[in-house]
Protein backbone atom coordinates (compact mmCIF):
# COMPACT_ATOMS: atom_id res chain seq x y z
CA MET A 1 15.76 29.65 43.07
CA ARG A 2 15.35 30.89 39.84
CA GLY A 3 18.94 30.83 37.34
CA PRO A 4 19.47 28.44 35.00
CA ARG A 5 21.20 25.07 35.73
CA SER A 6 23.17 23.58 33.24
CA GLN A 7 22.80 19.53 32.66
CA ASP A 8 23.30 17.02 29.98
CA TYR A 9 19.85 16.14 29.36
CA ALA A 10 18.85 14.02 26.76
CA PRO A 11 15.65 14.56 24.10
CA LEU A 12 11.90 14.10 25.66
CA PRO A 13 9.86 11.50 22.95
CA LEU A 14 6.12 11.33 22.16
CA SER A 15 6.75 7.87 20.95
CA GLU A 16 5.61 5.93 24.31
CA LYS A 17 3.22 3.47 24.08
CA GLU A 18 -0.14 4.40 25.16
CA PRO A 19 -2.83 1.61 26.45
CA LEU A 20 -6.08 1.86 24.82
CA SER A 21 -7.67 2.74 27.34
CA HIS A 22 -11.70 3.94 28.32
CA ARG A 23 -10.95 7.96 27.45
CA SER A 24 -8.74 7.43 24.95
CA ARG A 25 -11.15 4.96 22.84
CA ARG A 26 -13.44 7.61 23.52
CA ASP A 27 -11.64 10.94 22.57
CA GLN A 28 -8.73 9.57 20.81
CA ARG A 29 15.23 14.45 36.82
CA SER A 30 17.27 16.33 37.25
CA LYS A 31 18.95 15.42 40.42
CA GLY A 32 17.69 19.14 41.96
CA LEU A 33 20.51 21.73 42.03
CA GLY A 34 23.72 19.34 42.08
CA ILE A 35 25.70 17.65 44.36
CA TRP A 36 26.91 20.41 45.59
CA VAL A 37 23.88 21.62 46.82
CA LEU A 38 23.07 18.46 48.72
CA ARG A 39 26.10 18.37 50.08
CA ALA A 40 25.46 21.93 51.69
CA LEU A 41 21.88 20.84 52.65
CA GLY A 42 23.47 17.69 54.30
CA ALA A 43 25.32 19.99 56.38
CA CYS A 44 22.33 22.34 57.68
CA VAL A 45 21.03 18.86 58.62
CA VAL A 46 20.07 18.57 62.44
CA LEU A 47 21.82 14.82 62.93
CA TYR A 48 19.50 13.49 66.65
CA GLY A 49 22.39 11.18 68.81
CA ALA A 50 -1.57 -1.08 59.55
CA SER A 51 -3.66 -0.77 57.79
CA ASN A 52 -4.96 -1.44 54.17
CA LEU A 53 -1.37 -0.53 52.73
CA LEU A 54 -0.90 -0.32 48.61
CA ASN A 55 0.30 -2.02 45.72
CA VAL A 56 2.02 0.38 43.89
CA SER A 57 1.99 -0.11 40.06
CA THR A 58 6.11 0.10 38.67
CA ASN A 59 4.63 0.89 35.42
CA LYS A 60 7.26 1.73 33.06
CA SER A 61 5.33 4.25 31.44
CA CYS A 62 2.60 5.88 34.02
CA ASP A 63 2.25 9.42 32.24
CA SER A 64 0.71 9.61 28.73
CA VAL A 65 0.04 11.92 26.51
CA ASN A 66 -3.77 11.64 26.31
CA GLU A 67 -4.66 10.40 29.89
CA GLY A 68 -1.46 12.18 32.03
CA TYR A 69 -0.49 9.87 35.25
CA ARG A 70 -2.55 6.35 35.07
CA CYS A 71 -0.43 4.59 37.81
CA SER A 72 -2.11 3.70 41.09
CA PRO A 73 -4.69 6.43 40.72
CA LYS A 74 -6.58 5.51 44.14
CA THR A 75 -3.07 7.08 45.32
CA SER A 76 -1.58 9.03 42.74
CA HIS A 77 -4.82 11.57 41.85
CA PHE A 78 -5.45 12.61 45.63
CA TRP A 79 -1.85 14.42 46.18
CA GLY A 80 -3.57 17.17 46.05
CA GLN A 81 -1.76 20.32 43.85
CA TYR A 82 1.12 17.68 43.97
CA SER A 83 -0.72 15.30 41.29
CA LEU A 84 1.37 15.02 38.47
CA TRP A 85 -1.04 15.69 35.07
CA TYR A 86 -4.63 13.75 34.63
CA SER A 87 -7.11 13.70 32.31
CA VAL A 88 -10.29 14.43 34.75
CA PRO A 89 -13.75 12.75 34.33
CA SER A 90 -16.03 15.17 32.29
CA ASP A 91 -19.55 14.67 32.04
CA ILE A 92 -19.74 16.83 29.04
CA ASN A 93 -17.91 15.43 26.31
CA VAL A 94 -14.24 17.16 26.22
CA ALA A 95 -14.82 16.52 21.96
CA PRO A 96 -16.15 19.84 19.74
CA PRO A 97 -19.79 19.07 19.62
CA LYS A 98 -20.61 17.86 15.52
CA GLY A 99 -20.96 20.97 12.99
CA CYS A 100 -18.52 23.02 15.10
CA GLU A 101 -15.41 24.27 14.27
CA VAL A 102 -12.69 26.16 16.84
CA THR A 103 -11.59 28.91 15.95
CA PHE A 104 -9.38 30.37 18.75
CA ALA A 105 -7.48 27.82 21.84
CA ASN A 106 -6.09 30.06 25.19
CA VAL A 107 -4.33 27.52 27.34
CA LEU A 108 -3.27 29.11 30.64
CA SER A 109 -0.72 26.07 31.91
CA ARG A 110 0.79 25.56 35.43
CA HIS A 111 4.82 24.53 35.00
CA GLY A 112 5.79 20.73 35.45
CA GLY A 113 6.40 18.28 38.25
CA ARG A 114 9.25 19.61 40.63
CA ASP A 115 11.14 19.34 43.24
CA PRO A 116 10.46 20.70 46.80
CA THR A 117 10.82 24.59 47.20
CA LEU A 118 14.83 25.13 49.27
CA GLY A 119 12.31 25.86 52.46
CA LYS A 120 10.68 22.36 51.72
CA THR A 121 13.63 20.40 50.72
CA LEU A 122 15.31 21.31 53.94
CA ALA A 123 12.71 20.10 56.29
CA TYR A 124 12.57 17.07 54.69
CA HIS A 125 15.62 16.65 54.49
CA ILE A 126 15.89 16.84 58.10
CA LEU A 127 12.71 14.65 58.67
CA ILE A 128 14.38 11.84 56.77
CA ALA A 129 17.77 12.60 59.11
CA ASP A 130 15.53 12.49 61.99
CA ILE A 131 13.76 9.11 61.34
CA GLN A 132 17.09 7.23 60.52
CA ASN A 133 18.44 8.80 63.70
CA THR A 134 15.63 7.81 66.09
CA SER A 135 13.85 5.05 64.49
CA THR A 136 14.37 1.75 66.57
CA SER A 137 12.75 -0.11 64.21
CA TYR A 138 11.69 -0.38 60.31
CA PRO A 139 9.47 -3.30 59.32
CA LYS A 140 8.15 -4.33 56.59
CA GLU A 141 7.26 -1.82 54.26
CA PHE A 142 9.04 1.28 55.91
CA ARG A 143 12.45 -0.45 55.60
CA PHE A 144 13.70 1.48 53.09
CA LEU A 145 13.85 4.00 54.70
CA LYS A 146 16.96 2.09 56.72
CA ASP A 147 18.78 3.25 53.61
CA TYR A 148 17.03 5.71 51.72
CA ASP A 149 19.96 8.71 50.27
CA TYR A 150 17.68 12.13 50.35
CA THR A 151 18.78 13.43 46.91
CA LEU A 152 16.09 16.32 45.87
CA GLY A 153 17.06 19.22 44.68
CA ALA A 154 14.60 22.59 44.96
CA ASP A 155 12.60 24.79 43.21
CA GLU A 156 13.73 23.14 39.00
CA LEU A 157 11.43 21.32 37.09
CA THR A 158 12.34 17.33 37.63
CA ASP A 159 13.23 14.99 34.54
CA ALA A 160 9.72 13.48 34.81
CA GLY A 161 8.41 17.18 35.56
CA ARG A 162 9.52 18.05 32.07
CA GLN A 163 7.75 15.25 30.35
CA GLU A 164 5.34 16.71 31.57
CA MET A 165 5.01 19.61 29.80
CA VAL A 166 6.50 18.06 26.46
CA ASN A 167 3.42 15.97 26.78
CA SER A 168 0.89 18.85 27.30
CA GLY A 169 2.63 20.83 24.19
CA ALA A 170 1.29 17.53 22.53
CA HIS A 171 -1.85 16.73 24.62
CA PHE A 172 -2.19 20.55 23.19
CA TYR A 173 -1.76 19.58 19.08
CA ARG A 174 -3.74 16.93 19.29
CA ARG A 175 -6.90 18.99 20.56
CA TYR A 176 -6.03 21.82 18.17
CA GLN A 177 -4.35 20.67 15.58
CA LYS A 178 -6.19 22.45 12.95
CA LEU A 179 -5.45 25.36 14.00
CA ILE A 180 -2.27 24.97 15.13
CA ASP A 181 -1.16 24.05 11.56
CA ASP A 182 -2.58 27.68 10.24
CA ASN A 183 -1.67 29.81 14.11
CA VAL A 184 1.44 29.90 15.50
CA PRO A 185 1.22 29.95 18.92
CA PHE A 186 1.69 33.27 21.12
CA VAL A 187 3.24 32.26 24.05
CA ARG A 188 4.13 34.21 27.18
CA ALA A 189 5.64 32.99 31.01
CA GLY A 190 6.41 34.06 34.07
CA GLY A 191 9.61 34.72 35.21
CA GLN A 192 10.74 32.25 37.18
CA HIS A 193 13.46 29.30 35.58
CA ARG A 194 10.69 26.89 35.91
CA VAL A 195 7.98 28.80 34.86
CA VAL A 196 9.89 29.63 31.80
CA GLU A 197 11.69 25.87 31.02
CA SER A 198 8.07 24.73 31.17
CA ALA A 199 7.16 26.69 28.29
CA GLU A 200 9.97 25.46 26.53
CA LYS A 201 9.42 21.87 26.58
CA TRP A 202 5.30 22.70 25.96
CA LEU A 203 7.18 24.28 22.86
CA ALA A 204 8.88 21.40 22.47
CA GLY A 205 5.96 19.11 22.73
CA VAL A 206 3.98 21.37 20.36
CA ALA A 207 7.42 21.41 17.84
CA GLN A 208 7.71 17.31 17.73
CA SER A 209 3.98 16.89 16.87
CA LEU A 210 4.57 19.58 13.62
CA LYS A 211 7.66 17.98 13.43
CA GLU A 212 9.87 21.36 12.65
CA GLU A 213 11.92 22.64 15.56
CA PRO A 214 10.88 24.44 18.84
CA ARG A 215 10.13 28.07 18.62
CA LYS A 216 10.91 30.41 21.23
CA ILE A 217 8.91 32.68 23.66
CA ASP A 218 7.75 35.74 22.82
CA VAL A 219 7.06 37.19 25.84
CA VAL A 220 8.71 36.35 29.71
CA ILE A 221 7.45 38.81 32.74
CA PRO A 222 9.85 39.08 35.43
CA GLU A 223 7.81 37.91 38.52
CA GLY A 224 8.41 39.78 41.97
CA PRO A 225 6.36 43.21 43.74
CA ASN A 226 7.80 45.04 41.69
CA TRP A 227 6.27 44.47 38.20
CA ASN A 228 2.51 44.14 37.19
CA ASN A 229 2.18 40.50 35.96
CA THR A 230 -0.73 38.39 35.51
CA LEU A 231 1.46 35.52 35.70
CA SER A 232 2.23 35.95 38.92
CA HIS A 233 0.74 37.70 42.13
CA ASP A 234 2.33 40.19 44.13
CA ILE A 235 1.32 43.34 44.26
CA CYS A 236 -1.74 43.08 46.27
CA PRO A 237 -0.40 44.05 49.84
CA ALA A 238 -3.74 43.37 51.66
CA PHE A 239 -3.95 39.67 49.99
CA GLU A 240 -0.12 39.00 50.99
CA GLY A 241 -0.39 40.11 54.06
CA GLY A 242 -3.27 41.14 55.39
CA PRO A 243 -5.98 39.18 57.49
CA HIS A 244 -7.07 37.47 55.32
CA HIS A 245 -3.46 36.34 54.19
CA GLY A 246 -3.26 32.67 55.73
CA LEU A 247 -7.28 31.60 55.86
CA GLY A 248 -5.53 28.41 54.11
CA ASP A 249 -3.01 27.38 56.82
CA ARG A 250 -5.60 27.76 59.50
CA ALA A 251 -8.13 25.82 57.55
CA GLN A 252 -5.71 23.38 57.37
CA HIS A 253 -4.85 23.11 60.73
CA VAL A 254 -8.16 22.14 61.80
CA TRP A 255 -8.45 19.74 59.33
CA ALA A 256 -4.92 18.70 60.43
CA ASP A 257 -6.21 18.25 63.72
CA LYS A 258 -8.78 15.52 62.68
CA PHE A 259 -6.72 13.19 60.43
CA VAL A 260 -3.29 13.23 61.74
CA PRO A 261 -3.72 11.79 65.08
CA PRO A 262 -4.32 8.16 63.53
CA ILE A 263 -1.48 8.13 61.35
CA GLN A 264 0.63 9.88 63.57
CA GLN A 265 0.08 6.80 65.89
CA ARG A 266 0.44 4.17 63.46
CA ILE A 267 3.74 5.18 62.00
CA ASN A 268 5.36 6.86 65.75
CA SER A 269 4.58 3.70 66.79
CA ALA A 270 6.03 1.23 63.55
CA LEU A 271 8.78 3.00 63.50
CA GLY A 272 9.46 3.98 67.74
CA THR A 273 9.82 8.01 66.64
CA ASN A 274 8.16 10.77 68.01
CA LEU A 275 7.20 12.50 64.82
CA SER A 276 5.01 16.15 64.80
CA ALA A 277 1.93 15.73 63.38
CA THR A 278 3.54 18.23 60.85
CA SER A 279 6.44 16.13 60.20
CA ILE A 280 3.60 13.17 59.27
CA VAL A 281 2.00 15.44 56.86
CA TYR A 282 5.96 15.97 55.21
CA LEU A 283 6.26 12.09 55.16
CA MET A 284 3.12 11.96 52.57
CA ASP A 285 4.25 14.84 50.76
CA MET A 286 7.77 12.32 50.03
CA CYS A 287 5.54 10.64 48.15
CA PRO A 288 4.82 12.93 44.96
CA PHE A 289 7.70 14.82 45.14
CA ASP A 290 9.89 11.60 45.09
CA THR A 291 8.11 10.27 42.45
CA LEU A 292 8.98 13.14 40.51
CA ALA A 293 12.22 12.48 41.19
CA HIS A 294 12.78 9.00 39.25
CA PRO A 295 13.46 10.15 35.14
CA SER A 296 9.84 8.09 34.46
CA ALA A 297 7.87 8.89 37.76
CA LYS A 298 8.01 5.58 39.39
CA MET A 299 5.73 5.28 41.82
CA SER A 300 7.57 5.60 45.08
CA ASP A 301 8.25 3.79 48.36
CA PHE A 302 6.95 6.70 50.50
CA CYS A 303 3.22 5.80 48.80
CA ARG A 304 2.92 2.38 50.38
CA ILE A 305 3.25 3.65 53.42
CA PHE A 306 -0.29 5.56 53.80
CA THR A 307 -3.19 3.87 52.98
CA GLU A 308 -6.53 5.04 50.35
CA LYS A 309 -8.26 6.86 52.54
CA GLU A 310 -5.71 8.27 53.76
CA TRP A 311 -4.72 9.55 50.70
CA ARG A 312 -7.93 11.09 50.28
CA GLU A 313 -7.71 12.85 53.57
CA TYR A 314 -4.15 14.46 52.50
CA ASP A 315 -5.98 15.41 48.90
CA TYR A 316 -8.66 17.54 50.88
CA PHE A 317 -5.85 19.02 53.35
CA GLN A 318 -4.25 20.55 50.31
CA THR A 319 -7.60 21.49 48.52
CA LEU A 320 -8.67 23.38 52.09
CA GLY A 321 -5.32 25.18 51.19
CA LYS A 322 -5.79 26.39 47.70
CA PHE A 323 -9.78 26.96 48.39
CA TYR A 324 -9.19 29.00 50.89
CA GLY A 325 -5.91 30.64 50.25
CA TYR A 326 -6.35 31.34 46.94
CA GLY A 327 -9.80 30.21 45.86
CA VAL A 328 -13.38 31.66 45.72
CA GLY A 329 -13.18 30.62 50.21
CA ASN A 330 -10.41 33.93 49.88
CA PRO A 331 -12.48 37.34 49.46
CA LEU A 332 -9.62 38.41 48.02
CA GLY A 333 -8.74 35.16 45.82
CA PRO A 334 -10.34 35.94 42.94
CA THR A 335 -9.76 39.13 42.49
CA GLN A 336 -5.33 38.27 42.03
CA GLY A 337 -7.23 36.05 38.62
CA VAL A 338 -8.85 39.79 37.44
CA GLY A 339 -6.11 40.70 35.67
CA TYR A 340 -5.38 37.84 33.39
CA VAL A 341 -9.49 37.46 32.94
CA ASN A 342 -9.60 41.04 31.44
CA GLU A 343 -6.58 39.85 29.15
CA LEU A 344 -8.61 36.71 28.24
CA LEU A 345 -11.58 39.38 27.38
CA ALA A 346 -9.69 41.66 25.07
CA ARG A 347 -8.22 38.13 23.30
CA LEU A 348 -11.88 36.60 22.77
CA THR A 349 -13.28 40.20 21.25
CA ASN A 350 -10.20 41.25 19.44
CA LYS A 351 -10.33 44.32 21.72
CA PRO A 352 -8.13 46.47 23.63
CA VAL A 353 -7.38 45.42 27.05
CA ASP A 354 -9.70 47.16 29.82
CA ASP A 355 -8.14 46.62 33.27
CA ASN A 356 -6.98 48.54 36.23
CA THR A 357 -5.47 45.86 38.03
CA ASN A 358 -2.64 43.85 37.27
CA THR A 359 -2.02 43.82 34.06
CA ASN A 360 1.18 45.67 32.96
CA ARG A 361 0.06 48.81 30.90
CA THR A 362 3.37 48.57 28.79
CA LEU A 363 3.19 45.06 28.01
CA ASP A 364 -0.52 44.85 26.77
CA SER A 365 -1.10 48.45 25.01
CA ASP A 366 1.89 47.16 22.62
CA PRO A 367 0.62 44.74 19.53
CA LYS A 368 4.19 43.22 19.50
CA THR A 369 3.80 41.78 23.10
CA PHE A 370 0.44 41.21 23.17
CA PRO A 371 -1.09 40.89 20.02
CA LEU A 372 -5.05 40.91 19.27
CA ASP A 373 -4.95 39.10 15.97
CA ARG A 374 -3.41 35.38 17.07
CA LYS A 375 -5.68 32.52 16.63
CA VAL A 376 -3.65 30.38 19.51
CA TYR A 377 -2.08 31.70 22.86
CA ALA A 378 -0.51 29.47 25.76
CA ASP A 379 0.60 31.52 29.49
CA PHE A 380 2.51 29.90 31.42
CA SER A 381 2.15 30.49 35.14
CA HIS A 382 2.08 28.78 39.04
CA ASP A 383 -0.84 27.10 40.66
CA ASN A 384 -1.65 30.10 42.93
CA ASP A 385 -2.29 32.75 40.56
CA ILE A 386 -3.99 29.88 38.25
CA SER A 387 -6.68 29.32 41.34
CA GLY A 388 -7.25 32.79 41.38
CA VAL A 389 -8.35 32.87 37.44
CA LEU A 390 -10.35 30.11 38.00
CA ALA A 391 -12.15 31.59 40.79
CA ALA A 392 -11.90 35.61 38.64
CA LEU A 393 -14.22 33.13 36.17
CA GLY A 394 -16.73 31.67 38.11
CA LEU A 395 -16.06 28.27 37.24
CA TYR A 396 -16.59 27.31 41.18
CA ASN A 397 -19.07 30.53 42.53
CA ARG A 398 -21.56 27.10 43.50
CA THR A 399 -18.73 25.95 45.50
CA LYS A 400 -20.15 26.65 49.04
CA PRO A 401 -17.71 26.99 52.03
CA LEU A 402 -15.83 24.04 52.14
CA SER A 403 -16.10 22.28 55.67
CA ASN A 404 -12.80 21.92 57.68
CA THR A 405 -13.51 19.20 60.08
CA THR A 406 -15.59 16.26 56.97
CA ILE A 407 -14.44 15.65 53.50
CA GLU A 408 -16.15 17.22 50.58
CA ASP A 409 -15.48 15.10 47.53
CA THR A 410 -15.93 16.48 44.32
CA LYS A 411 -19.71 15.87 44.38
CA LYS A 412 -20.02 17.68 46.83
CA THR A 413 -18.02 20.25 45.64
CA HIS A 414 -19.31 20.71 42.44
CA GLY A 415 -16.15 19.69 40.40
CA TYR A 416 -13.32 21.29 42.76
CA SER A 417 -10.54 20.15 44.37
CA ALA A 418 -6.60 20.76 44.28
CA ALA A 419 -5.74 18.06 42.21
CA TRP A 420 -8.97 18.40 39.67
CA SER A 421 -7.57 21.88 39.39
CA VAL A 422 -4.03 23.22 39.50
CA PRO A 423 -1.61 19.71 39.54
CA PHE A 424 1.59 19.68 38.24
CA ALA A 425 0.68 21.04 34.21
CA ALA A 426 -2.42 22.01 35.07
CA ARG A 427 -3.94 23.34 32.21
CA LEU A 428 -7.21 25.88 31.56
CA TYR A 429 -7.96 25.54 28.10
CA VAL A 430 -10.90 28.50 26.96
CA GLU A 431 -11.79 27.98 22.97
CA LYS A 432 -14.38 29.31 20.57
CA LEU A 433 -16.76 27.54 18.07
CA GLN A 434 -18.16 28.75 15.12
CA CYS A 435 -21.51 25.91 14.64
CA LYS A 436 -22.96 25.48 11.99
CA HIS A 437 -26.49 27.39 11.75
CA GLU A 438 -25.11 30.36 14.54
CA LYS A 439 -24.80 33.39 13.97
CA GLU A 440 -22.47 34.03 16.80
CA GLU A 441 -18.79 32.33 17.74
CA SER A 442 -19.54 30.62 21.16
CA VAL A 443 -17.35 29.76 23.75
CA ARG A 444 -16.20 26.46 26.32
CA VAL A 445 -13.86 26.47 29.16
CA ILE A 446 -11.80 23.25 30.14
CA VAL A 447 -9.70 22.51 32.82
CA ASN A 448 -7.59 19.50 32.88
CA ASP A 449 -10.18 17.99 30.27
CA ARG A 450 -13.00 18.36 32.22
CA VAL A 451 -15.86 21.12 30.16
CA HIS A 452 -17.19 22.94 33.08
CA PRO A 453 -21.19 23.56 32.55
CA LEU A 454 -20.90 27.43 32.52
CA ASP A 455 -24.65 27.78 34.23
CA PHE A 456 -23.36 31.52 35.10
CA CYS A 457 -23.89 32.13 31.00
CA GLY A 458 -26.25 29.86 29.68
CA GLY A 459 -24.14 26.79 28.88
CA ASP A 460 -26.15 24.04 27.41
CA LYS A 461 -25.45 20.94 26.96
CA HIS A 462 -22.01 20.90 25.34
CA GLY A 463 -21.24 23.31 27.92
CA ARG A 464 -21.38 26.35 25.38
CA CYS A 465 -22.33 29.87 26.44
CA THR A 466 -22.24 33.05 23.02
CA LEU A 467 -19.36 34.89 22.93
CA SER A 468 -21.79 37.86 24.31
CA LYS A 469 -23.32 35.92 27.07
CA PHE A 470 -19.75 35.06 28.31
CA VAL A 471 -18.38 37.98 28.15
CA ASP A 472 -21.60 39.73 30.28
CA SER A 473 -20.79 37.37 31.90
CA GLN A 474 -17.45 38.36 33.19
CA SER A 475 -18.78 41.10 34.94
CA PHE A 476 -16.66 41.26 38.41
CA ALA A 477 -13.30 41.54 36.47
CA ARG A 478 -14.81 44.15 34.40
CA SER A 479 -15.88 46.14 37.24
CA GLY A 480 -12.73 45.69 38.70
CA GLY A 481 -12.69 42.96 41.00
CA LEU A 482 -12.90 44.91 45.05
CA TRP A 483 -8.96 45.67 43.18
CA ASP A 484 -9.42 49.00 45.54
CA GLN A 485 -9.54 46.70 49.10
CA CYS A 486 -5.86 45.58 47.93
CA TYR A 487 -4.75 48.78 49.68
CA GLU A 488 -7.25 49.17 52.37
């Protein structure tokens, strides 16, 4: 669904009371598509004639500007790309080093939390109907399912997702306040409605921090195979339908064959149902999506059905999908991010874009639609596209091919997971710093508050590379990033 929908919507405040945690001290719903769609979904539904269970928090202010989603982290931080944004642990202090001033900031952001896609919302609706029509019992933790009313919409931001993006704008302002006070952000968004709305809510978060009216998005780039757009992968035929297409799905299938059967047996035994392995994964999906459906992202009862161990297995399932589908595990995954990296290099060096991949030359050659003299930039996109950009930058070059039979934690993967890289409202910050007694500016890369060490360009203990070494390190993007293979 790409069109906007009308709705009553209350302003999103920034005045939530945040408990002072260790990180704070250190660093200082919409109902979807409306009732008519719910009725339409209902018409499509085909009606058919324990382990250590978790205590889920009901804290009314689970989401916060500085730390993101904090409630029940042993559950909520393991939802893969369906996780709500949270501040990822960093071995390097995320604050700028002493004596350094940030002179440039660029953010690439995923849209905020949303309802399921149209195909998935139909599948989830059918699943709930199937359970309610075939279950023979509802033990304690499953009791809510008996009368659960499926009201999720499709494709659009939820109120909790909108709040995520307002918080994201405020988070960006808090980090780069001095820069933003003197420099207006230049903002681009991919054309899908939830991406555009996410950019608008981010701008609202910045504006509330500045105590002024929100500014407009500068450029909205249509998405689809007919448009060159670095914020939406669609024009590499070999990636979209070639031999590497489906690598992520195949890796997930192998892992699902290992981790799902014990859960499947437990759930079916409890409910008296005959749910398939796919249905079990869908039932787990309902936890983050039903959480996002609550205006304040209250943890859903679906989350209580599964254990901490099972959530880690689910998180790894989603990680495999992103790694092999869109990241360094796919031979053409990094290629999809090359155009954006070359745009980033142009901004960092104040030089015209040099690229022959998926950049839009008409837009990028016009200073009105791609200025090079700004100090603050913000772009809004999707998780799959950001996965390609992270891969093209080389941030996970040290991550070896992930096992599809054994969980590998973020220590083994050198910081890679779907939840750590592309949750809802994910944010990639690239900043330039001018430090005392240093002639050349330096670059740092921060993904969801985790400073990347930048080993590939000689990063120091603060995660800094000199600008020239960072640019030199991007030889993959600068040489075309295997784009010619898109048409083989």
